Amino acid sequence: MLKDHPCKVVEINTAKVGKHGAAKSKLTGIDIFTGNKYEEIFPGGHMTQVPNVTRTEYTLFDIESDGFMQLMAENNAMREDLRLPTDETG
């Protein structure tokens, strides 16, 4: 998590220890949903949150008149509880 966004870390830079404290690490990541780039600096031994993300692909079978989709997963499980997005961010 970089700046409260779930990101895939693409670069880690570590600065040397200075005369005023611990080493710093700069993490650069790409938001897994929007593709935006985020950078954040942490103390060398700092713990950070790591999102646990599972990706599932579905096959679209139908879109109902009310906007709900009929989807099927690879294990043949059906989902009919997702509606098409109505805003621009989709």
PDB file of N, CA and C in Angstrom:
ATOM      1  N   MET A   1       0.854  -1.170   0.000  1.00  0.00           N
ATOM      2  CA  MET A   1       0.000   0.000   0.000  1.00  0.00           C
ATOM      3  C   MET A   1       0.900   1.234   0.000  1.00  0.00           C
ATOM      4  N   LEU A   2       0.768   2.024  -1.029  1.00  0.00           N
ATOM      5  CA  LEU A   2       1.493   3.281  -1.102  1.00  0.00           C
ATOM      6  C   LEU A   2       0.477   4.411  -1.123  1.00  0.00           C
ATOM      7  N   LYS A   3       0.579   5.291  -0.136  1.00  0.00           N
ATOM      8  CA  LYS A   3      -0.351   6.418  -0.002  1.00  0.00           C
ATOM      9  C   LYS A   3      -1.799   5.936  -0.042  1.00  0.00           C
ATOM     10  N   ASP A   4      -2.074   4.837   0.674  1.00  0.00           N
ATOM     11  CA  ASP A   4      -3.411   4.233   0.800  1.00  0.00           C
ATOM     12  C   ASP A   4      -3.968   3.699  -0.511  1.00  0.00           C
ATOM     13  N   HIS A   5      -3.102   3.341  -1.455  1.00  0.00           N
ATOM     14  CA  HIS A   5      -3.514   2.739  -2.720  1.00  0.00           C
ATOM     15  C   HIS A   5      -2.834   1.368  -2.858  1.00  0.00           C
ATOM     16  N   PRO A   6      -3.578   0.339  -3.285  1.00  0.00           N
ATOM     17  CA  PRO A   6      -2.947  -0.965  -3.495  1.00  0.00           C
ATOM     18  C   PRO A   6      -2.070  -0.913  -4.742  1.00  0.00           C
ATOM     19  N   CYS A   7      -0.776  -1.136  -4.563  1.00  0.00           N
ATOM     20  CA  CYS A   7       0.171  -0.975  -5.665  1.00  0.00           C
ATOM     21  C   CYS A   7       1.064  -2.201  -5.818  1.00  0.00           C
ATOM     22  N   LYS A   8       1.509  -2.395  -7.051  1.00  0.00           N
ATOM     23  CA  LYS A   8       2.558  -3.364  -7.344  1.00  0.00           C
ATOM     24  C   LYS A   8       3.869  -2.579  -7.334  1.00  0.00           C
ATOM     25  N   VAL A   9       4.796  -2.980  -6.457  1.00  0.00           N
ATOM     26  CA  VAL A   9       6.062  -2.260  -6.337  1.00  0.00           C
ATOM     27  C   VAL A   9       6.918  -2.574  -7.558  1.00  0.00           C
ATOM     28  N   VAL A  10       7.388  -1.517  -8.228  1.00  0.00           N
ATOM     29  CA  VAL A  10       8.206  -1.688  -9.430  1.00  0.00           C
ATOM     30  C   VAL A  10       9.648  -1.236  -9.217  1.00  0.00           C
ATOM     31  N   GLU A  11       9.901  -0.499  -8.113  1.00  0.00           N
ATOM     32  CA  GLU A  11      11.260  -0.032  -7.873  1.00  0.00           C
ATOM     33  C   GLU A  11      11.454   0.247  -6.381  1.00  0.00           C
ATOM     34  N   ILE A  12      12.633  -0.128  -5.861  1.00  0.00           N
ATOM     35  CA  ILE A  12      13.005   0.166  -4.480  1.00  0.00           C
ATOM     36  C   ILE A  12      14.390   0.789  -4.496  1.00  0.00           C
ATOM     37  N   ASN A  13      14.510   1.974  -3.911  1.00  0.00           N
ATOM     38  CA  ASN A  13      15.804   2.642  -3.778  1.00  0.00           C
ATOM     39  C   ASN A  13      16.070   2.831  -2.298  1.00  0.00           C
ATOM     40  N   THR A  14      17.296   2.519  -1.861  1.00  0.00           N
ATOM     41  CA  THR A  14      17.674   2.661  -0.459  1.00  0.00           C
ATOM     42  C   THR A  14      18.829   3.644  -0.353  1.00  0.00           C
ATOM     43  N   ALA A  15      18.637   4.656   0.508  1.00  0.00           N
ATOM     44  CA  ALA A  15      19.691   5.638   0.754  1.00  0.00           C
ATOM     45  C   ALA A  15      20.564   5.150   1.900  1.00  0.00           C
ATOM     46  N   LYS A  16      21.827   5.560   1.905  1.00  0.00           N
ATOM     47  CA  LYS A  16      22.750   5.168   2.965  1.00  0.00           C
ATOM     48  C   LYS A  16      22.371   5.855   4.266  1.00  0.00           C
ATOM     49  N   VAL A  17      22.838   5.261   5.356  1.00  0.00           N
ATOM     50  CA  VAL A  17      22.578   5.837   6.678  1.00  0.00           C
ATOM     51  C   VAL A  17      23.312   7.161   6.773  1.00  0.00           C
ATOM     52  N   GLY A  18      22.583   8.193   7.188  1.00  0.00           N
ATOM     53  CA  GLY A  18      23.176   9.515   7.357  1.00  0.00           C
ATOM     54  C   GLY A  18      23.573   9.749   8.800  1.00  0.00           C
ATOM     55  N   LYS A  19      24.083  10.938   9.086  1.00  0.00           N
ATOM     56  CA  LYS A  19      24.526  11.230  10.446  1.00  0.00           C
ATOM     57  C   LYS A  19      23.359  11.476  11.398  1.00  0.00           C
ATOM     58  N   HIS A  20      22.136  11.623  10.866  1.00  0.00           N
ATOM     59  CA  HIS A  20      20.981  11.919  11.720  1.00  0.00           C
ATOM     60  C   HIS A  20      20.008  10.760  11.850  1.00  0.00           C
ATOM     61  N   GLY A  21      20.388   9.547  11.506  1.00  0.00           N
ATOM     62  CA  GLY A  21      19.436   8.466  11.720  1.00  0.00           C
ATOM     63  C   GLY A  21      19.581   7.305  10.770  1.00  0.00           C
ATOM     64  N   ALA A  22      18.461   6.588  10.623  1.00  0.00           N
ATOM     65  CA  ALA A  22      18.437   5.335   9.868  1.00  0.00           C
ATOM     66  C   ALA A  22      18.372   5.583   8.366  1.00  0.00           C
ATOM     67  N   ALA A  23      18.626   4.516   7.622  1.00  0.00           N
ATOM     68  CA  ALA A  23      18.529   4.568   6.163  1.00  0.00           C
ATOM     69  C   ALA A  23      17.074   4.766   5.757  1.00  0.00           C
ATOM     70  N   LYS A  24      16.879   5.326   4.604  1.00  0.00           N
ATOM     71  CA  LYS A  24      15.533   5.540   4.062  1.00  0.00           C
ATOM     72  C   LYS A  24      15.366   4.689   2.806  1.00  0.00           C
ATOM     73  N   SER A  25      14.148   4.188   2.600  1.00  0.00           N
ATOM     74  CA  SER A  25      13.828   3.424   1.396  1.00  0.00           C
ATOM     75  C   SER A  25      12.714   4.132   0.648  1.00  0.00           C
ATOM     76  N   LYS A  26      12.912   4.322  -0.648  1.00  0.00           N
ATOM     77  CA  LYS A  26      11.887   4.935  -1.488  1.00  0.00           C
ATOM     78  C   LYS A  26      11.273   3.838  -2.348  1.00  0.00           C
ATOM     79  N   LEU A  27       9.959   3.640  -2.191  1.00  0.00           N
ATOM     80  CA  LEU A  27       9.242   2.640  -2.970  1.00  0.00           C
ATOM     81  C   LEU A  27       8.438   3.337  -4.051  1.00  0.00           C
ATOM     82  N   THR A  28       8.497   2.794  -5.256  1.00  0.00           N
ATOM     83  CA  THR A  28       7.708   3.280  -6.373  1.00  0.00           C
ATOM     84  C   THR A  28       6.793   2.145  -6.801  1.00  0.00           C
ATOM     85  N   GLY A  29       5.508   2.449  -6.939  1.00  0.00           N
ATOM     86  CA  GLY A  29       4.554   1.408  -7.303  1.00  0.00           C
ATOM     87  C   GLY A  29       3.497   1.901  -8.260  1.00  0.00           C
ATOM     88  N   ILE A  30       2.843   0.955  -8.925  1.00  0.00           N
ATOM     89  CA  ILE A  30       1.762   1.231  -9.864  1.00  0.00           C
ATOM     90  C   ILE A  30       0.467   0.703  -9.252  1.00  0.00           C
ATOM     91  N   ASP A  31      -0.547   1.580  -9.142  1.00  0.00           N
ATOM     92  CA  ASP A  31      -1.848   1.188  -8.598  1.00  0.00           C
ATOM     93  C   ASP A  31      -2.426   0.050  -9.437  1.00  0.00           C
ATOM     94  N   ILE A  32      -2.845  -1.040  -8.786  1.00  0.00           N
ATOM     95  CA  ILE A  32      -3.308  -2.222  -9.524  1.00  0.00           C
ATOM     96  C   ILE A  32      -4.668  -2.021 -10.180  1.00  0.00           C
ATOM     97  N   PHE A  33      -5.404  -0.978  -9.787  1.00  0.00           N
ATOM     98  CA  PHE A  33      -6.715  -0.739 -10.381  1.00  0.00           C
ATOM     99  C   PHE A  33      -6.706   0.394 -11.408  1.00  0.00           C
ATOM    100  N   THR A  34      -5.961   1.473 -11.125  1.00  0.00           N
ATOM    101  CA  THR A  34      -6.008   2.635 -12.009  1.00  0.00           C
ATOM    102  C   THR A  34      -4.770   2.796 -12.878  1.00  0.00           C
ATOM    103  N   GLY A  35      -3.651   2.158 -12.499  1.00  0.00           N
ATOM    104  CA  GLY A  35      -2.413   2.311 -13.250  1.00  0.00           C
ATOM    105  C   GLY A  35      -1.638   3.563 -12.882  1.00  0.00           C
ATOM    106  N   ASN A  36      -2.106   4.342 -11.908  1.00  0.00           N
ATOM    107  CA  ASN A  36      -1.391   5.542 -11.484  1.00  0.00           C
ATOM    108  C   ASN A  36      -0.125   5.167 -10.729  1.00  0.00           C
ATOM    109  N   LYS A  37       0.895   6.026 -10.847  1.00  0.00           N
ATOM    110  CA  LYS A  37       2.185   5.789 -10.212  1.00  0.00           C
ATOM    111  C   LYS A  37       2.241   6.537  -8.882  1.00  0.00           C
ATOM    112  N   TYR A  38       2.717   5.847  -7.819  1.00  0.00           N
ATOM    113  CA  TYR A  38       2.845   6.449  -6.498  1.00  0.00           C
ATOM    114  C   TYR A  38       4.233   6.172  -5.953  1.00  0.00           C
ATOM    115  N   GLU A  39       4.766   7.138  -5.199  1.00  0.00           N
ATOM    116  CA  GLU A  39       6.059   6.989  -4.544  1.00  0.00           C
ATOM    117  C   GLU A  39       5.889   7.351  -3.076  1.00  0.00           C
ATOM    118  N   GLU A  40       6.616   6.627  -2.223  1.00  0.00           N
ATOM    119  CA  GLU A  40       6.572   6.931  -0.800  1.00  0.00           C
ATOM    120  C   GLU A  40       7.912   6.556  -0.187  1.00  0.00           C
ATOM    121  N   ILE A  41       8.329   7.338   0.810  1.00  0.00           N
ATOM    122  CA  ILE A  41       9.603   7.112   1.486  1.00  0.00           C
ATOM    123  C   ILE A  41       9.317   6.584   2.885  1.00  0.00           C
ATOM    124  N   PHE A  42      10.031   5.506   3.254  1.00  0.00           N
ATOM    125  CA  PHE A  42       9.867   4.866   4.554  1.00  0.00           C
ATOM    126  C   PHE A  42      11.219   4.766   5.241  1.00  0.00           C
ATOM    127  N   PRO A  43      11.236   4.747   6.598  1.00  0.00           N
ATOM    128  CA  PRO A  43      12.480   4.410   7.294  1.00  0.00           C
ATOM    129  C   PRO A  43      12.896   2.985   6.929  1.00  0.00           C
ATOM    130  N   GLY A  44      14.180   2.689   6.977  1.00  0.00           N
ATOM    131  CA  GLY A  44      14.718   1.409   6.523  1.00  0.00           C
ATOM    132  C   GLY A  44      14.055   0.176   7.097  1.00  0.00           C
ATOM    133  N   GLY A  45      13.724   0.153   8.377  1.00  0.00           N
ATOM    134  CA  GLY A  45      13.141  -1.034   8.994  1.00  0.00           C
ATOM    135  C   GLY A  45      11.637  -0.946   9.169  1.00  0.00           C
ATOM    136  N   HIS A  46      10.999  -0.035   8.495  1.00  0.00           N
ATOM    137  CA  HIS A  46       9.562   0.204   8.662  1.00  0.00           C
ATOM    138  C   HIS A  46       8.733  -0.917   8.040  1.00  0.00           C
ATOM    139  N   MET A  47       7.655  -1.299   8.720  1.00  0.00           N
ATOM    140  CA  MET A  47       6.720  -2.297   8.201  1.00  0.00           C
ATOM    141  C   MET A  47       5.607  -1.544   7.460  1.00  0.00           C
ATOM    142  N   THR A  48       5.095  -2.139   6.394  1.00  0.00           N
ATOM    143  CA  THR A  48       4.003  -1.529   5.642  1.00  0.00           C
ATOM    144  C   THR A  48       2.947  -2.581   5.342  1.00  0.00           C
ATOM    145  N   GLN A  49       1.748  -2.126   4.997  1.00  0.00           N
ATOM    146  CA  GLN A  49       0.659  -3.047   4.684  1.00  0.00           C
ATOM    147  C   GLN A  49       0.849  -3.619   3.284  1.00  0.00           C
ATOM    148  N   VAL A  50       0.468  -4.890   3.139  1.00  0.00           N
ATOM    149  CA  VAL A  50       0.546  -5.554   1.848  1.00  0.00           C
ATOM    150  C   VAL A  50      -0.842  -6.084   1.512  1.00  0.00           C
ATOM    151  N   PRO A  51      -1.448  -5.626   0.408  1.00  0.00           N
ATOM    152  CA  PRO A  51      -2.782  -6.132   0.064  1.00  0.00           C
ATOM    153  C   PRO A  51      -2.701  -7.566  -0.463  1.00  0.00           C
ATOM    154  N   ASN A  52      -3.681  -8.369  -0.123  1.00  0.00           N
ATOM    155  CA  ASN A  52      -3.786  -9.733  -0.633  1.00  0.00           C
ATOM    156  C   ASN A  52      -4.855  -9.729  -1.717  1.00  0.00           C
ATOM    157  N   VAL A  53      -4.443  -9.788  -2.961  1.00  0.00           N
ATOM    158  CA  VAL A  53      -5.347  -9.632  -4.090  1.00  0.00           C
ATOM    159  C   VAL A  53      -5.451 -10.949  -4.848  1.00  0.00           C
ATOM    160  N   THR A  54      -6.672 -11.357  -5.121  1.00  0.00           N
ATOM    161  CA  THR A  54      -6.916 -12.548  -5.925  1.00  0.00           C
ATOM    162  C   THR A  54      -7.625 -12.116  -7.206  1.00  0.00           C
ATOM    163  N   ARG A  55      -7.129 -12.590  -8.321  1.00  0.00           N
ATOM    164  CA  ARG A  55      -7.724 -12.220  -9.605  1.00  0.00           C
ATOM    165  C   ARG A  55      -8.535 -13.402 -10.128  1.00  0.00           C
ATOM    166  N   THR A  56      -9.786 -13.132 -10.517  1.00  0.00           N
ATOM    167  CA  THR A  56     -10.660 -14.146 -11.082  1.00  0.00           C
ATOM    168  C   THR A  56     -11.201 -13.627 -12.408  1.00  0.00           C
ATOM    169  N   GLU A  57     -11.080 -14.431 -13.446  1.00  0.00           N
ATOM    170  CA  GLU A  57     -11.603 -14.047 -14.751  1.00  0.00           C
ATOM    171  C   GLU A  57     -12.951 -14.713 -14.970  1.00  0.00           C
ATOM    172  N   TYR A  58     -13.870 -13.950 -15.552  1.00  0.00           N
ATOM    173  CA  TYR A  58     -15.219 -14.429 -15.820  1.00  0.00           C
ATOM    174  C   TYR A  58     -15.523 -14.304 -17.311  1.00  0.00           C
ATOM    175  N   THR A  59     -16.431 -15.136 -17.782  1.00  0.00           N
ATOM    176  CA  THR A  59     -16.952 -15.022 -19.136  1.00  0.00           C
ATOM    177  C   THR A  59     -18.313 -14.349 -19.043  1.00  0.00           C
ATOM    178  N   LEU A  60     -18.512 -13.311 -19.840  1.00  0.00           N
ATOM    179  CA  LEU A  60     -19.786 -12.589 -19.844  1.00  0.00           C
ATOM    180  C   LEU A  60     -20.771 -13.318 -20.750  1.00  0.00           C
ATOM    181  N   PHE A  61     -21.929 -13.684 -20.179  1.00  0.00           N
ATOM    182  CA  PHE A  61     -22.954 -14.362 -20.949  1.00  0.00           C
ATOM    183  C   PHE A  61     -24.067 -13.428 -21.399  1.00  0.00           C
ATOM    184  N   ASP A  62     -24.481 -12.515 -20.520  1.00  0.00           N
ATOM    185  CA  ASP A  62     -25.617 -11.665 -20.856  1.00  0.00           C
ATOM    186  C   ASP A  62     -25.600 -10.428 -19.981  1.00  0.00           C
ATOM    187  N   ILE A  63     -26.232  -9.364 -20.465  1.00  0.00           N
ATOM    188  CA  ILE A  63     -26.466  -8.160 -19.683  1.00  0.00           C
ATOM    189  C   ILE A  63     -27.966  -7.942 -19.660  1.00  0.00           C
ATOM    190  N   GLU A  64     -28.534  -7.962 -18.469  1.00  0.00           N
ATOM    191  CA  GLU A  64     -29.980  -7.791 -18.309  1.00  0.00           C
ATOM    192  C   GLU A  64     -30.366  -6.332 -18.536  1.00  0.00           C
ATOM    193  N   SER A  65     -31.656  -6.071 -18.730  1.00  0.00           N
ATOM    194  CA  SER A  65     -32.139  -4.713 -18.983  1.00  0.00           C
ATOM    195  C   SER A  65     -31.906  -3.791 -17.794  1.00  0.00           C
ATOM    196  N   ASP A  66     -31.803  -4.347 -16.569  1.00  0.00           N
ATOM    197  CA  ASP A  66     -31.550  -3.523 -15.389  1.00  0.00           C
ATOM    198  C   ASP A  66     -30.053  -3.285 -15.148  1.00  0.00           C
ATOM    199  N   GLY A  67     -29.180  -3.782 -16.037  1.00  0.00           N
ATOM    200  CA  GLY A  67     -27.748  -3.544 -15.942  1.00  0.00           C
ATOM    201  C   GLY A  67     -26.961  -4.636 -15.254  1.00  0.00           C
ATOM    202  N   PHE A  68     -27.637  -5.646 -14.696  1.00  0.00           N
ATOM    203  CA  PHE A  68     -26.917  -6.737 -14.052  1.00  0.00           C
ATOM    204  C   PHE A  68     -26.354  -7.685 -15.110  1.00  0.00           C
ATOM    205  N   MET A  69     -25.143  -8.203 -14.822  1.00  0.00           N
ATOM    206  CA  MET A  69     -24.469  -9.081 -15.766  1.00  0.00           C
ATOM    207  C   MET A  69     -24.584 -10.527 -15.315  1.00  0.00           C
ATOM    208  N   GLN A  70     -24.620 -11.425 -16.279  1.00  0.00           N
ATOM    209  CA  GLN A  70     -24.540 -12.859 -16.000  1.00  0.00           C
ATOM    210  C   GLN A  70     -23.127 -13.297 -16.376  1.00  0.00           C
ATOM    211  N   LEU A  71     -22.380 -13.744 -15.356  1.00  0.00           N
ATOM    212  CA  LEU A  71     -20.978 -14.100 -15.536  1.00  0.00           C
ATOM    213  C   LEU A  71     -20.737 -15.534 -15.092  1.00  0.00           C
ATOM    214  N   MET A  72     -19.769 -16.203 -15.747  1.00  0.00           N
ATOM    215  CA  MET A  72     -19.413 -17.561 -15.344  1.00  0.00           C
ATOM    216  C   MET A  72     -17.903 -17.651 -15.149  1.00  0.00           C
ATOM    217  N   ALA A  73     -17.493 -18.206 -14.004  1.00  0.00           N
ATOM    218  CA  ALA A  73     -16.079 -18.405 -13.698  1.00  0.00           C
ATOM    219  C   ALA A  73     -15.595 -19.690 -14.358  1.00  0.00           C
ATOM    220  N   GLU A  74     -14.284 -19.930 -14.300  1.00  0.00           N
ATOM    221  CA  GLU A  74     -13.703 -21.126 -14.913  1.00  0.00           C
ATOM    222  C   GLU A  74     -14.223 -22.416 -14.286  1.00  0.00           C
ATOM    223  N   ASN A  75     -14.657 -22.349 -13.005  1.00  0.00           N
ATOM    224  CA  ASN A  75     -15.185 -23.536 -12.335  1.00  0.00           C
ATOM    225  C   ASN A  75     -16.701 -23.682 -12.545  1.00  0.00           C
ATOM    226  N   ASN A  76     -17.241 -22.968 -13.529  1.00  0.00           N
ATOM    227  CA  ASN A  76     -18.661 -22.969 -13.911  1.00  0.00           C
ATOM    228  C   ASN A  76     -19.585 -22.354 -12.879  1.00  0.00           C
ATOM    229  N   ALA A  77     -19.050 -21.648 -11.886  1.00  0.00           N
ATOM    230  CA  ALA A  77     -19.887 -20.938 -10.915  1.00  0.00           C
ATOM    231  C   ALA A  77     -20.421 -19.663 -11.566  1.00  0.00           C
ATOM    232  N   MET A  78     -21.714 -19.428 -11.410  1.00  0.00           N
ATOM    233  CA  MET A  78     -22.357 -18.258 -12.014  1.00  0.00           C
ATOM    234  C   MET A  78     -22.433 -17.109 -11.010  1.00  0.00           C
ATOM    235  N   ARG A  79     -22.292 -15.883 -11.515  1.00  0.00           N
ATOM    236  CA  ARG A  79     -22.503 -14.666 -10.726  1.00  0.00           C
ATOM    237  C   ARG A  79     -23.505 -13.814 -11.466  1.00  0.00           C
ATOM    238  N   GLU A  80     -24.476 -13.317 -10.729  1.00  0.00           N
ATOM    239  CA  GLU A  80     -25.478 -12.422 -11.309  1.00  0.00           C
ATOM    240  C   GLU A  80     -25.708 -11.218 -10.412  1.00  0.00           C
ATOM    241  N   ASP A  81     -24.746 -10.933  -9.530  1.00  0.00           N
ATOM    242  CA  ASP A  81     -24.905  -9.865  -8.548  1.00  0.00           C
ATOM    243  C   ASP A  81     -24.103  -8.612  -8.876  1.00  0.00           C
ATOM    244  N   LEU A  82     -23.489  -8.552 -10.045  1.00  0.00           N
ATOM    245  CA  LEU A  82     -22.699  -7.387 -10.431  1.00  0.00           C
ATOM    246  C   LEU A  82     -23.426  -6.585 -11.504  1.00  0.00           C
ATOM    247  N   ARG A  83     -23.477  -5.284 -11.270  1.00  0.00           N
ATOM    248  CA  ARG A  83     -24.134  -4.394 -12.217  1.00  0.00           C
ATOM    249  C   ARG A  83     -23.072  -3.636 -13.009  1.00  0.00           C
ATOM    250  N   LEU A  84     -23.357  -3.328 -14.251  1.00  0.00           N
ATOM    251  CA  LEU A  84     -22.443  -2.513 -15.045  1.00  0.00           C
ATOM    252  C   LEU A  84     -22.258  -1.168 -14.387  1.00  0.00           C
ATOM    253  N   PRO A  85     -21.032  -0.624 -14.405  1.00  0.00           N
ATOM    254  CA  PRO A  85     -20.807   0.694 -13.834  1.00  0.00           C
ATOM    255  C   PRO A  85     -21.591   1.752 -14.607  1.00  0.00           C
ATOM    256  N   THR A  86     -22.052   2.765 -13.869  1.00  0.00           N
ATOM    257  CA  THR A  86     -22.821   3.835 -14.515  1.00  0.00           C
ATOM    258  C   THR A  86     -22.044   5.136 -14.590  1.00  0.00           C
ATOM    259  N   ASP A  87     -20.884   5.216 -13.913  1.00  0.00           N
ATOM    260  CA  ASP A  87     -20.097   6.453 -13.968  1.00  0.00           C
ATOM    261  C   ASP A  87     -18.944   6.302 -14.953  1.00  0.00           C
ATOM    262  N   GLU A  88     -18.211   7.381 -15.153  1.00  0.00           N
ATOM    263  CA  GLU A  88     -17.136   7.386 -16.142  1.00  0.00           C
ATOM    264  C   GLU A  88     -15.938   6.560 -15.728  1.00  0.00           C
ATOM    265  N   THR A  89     -15.702   6.393 -14.416  1.00  0.00           N
ATOM    266  CA  THR A  89     -14.502   5.679 -13.965  1.00  0.00           C
ATOM    267  C   THR A  89     -14.632   4.183 -14.182  1.00  0.00           C
ATOM    268  N   GLY A  90     -15.868   3.673 -14.253  1.00  0.00           N
ATOM    269  CA  GLY A  90     -16.165   2.297 -14.592  1.00  0.00           C
ATOM    270  C   GLY A  90     -15.421   1.313 -13.803  1.00  0.00           C
TER     271      GLY A  90
END
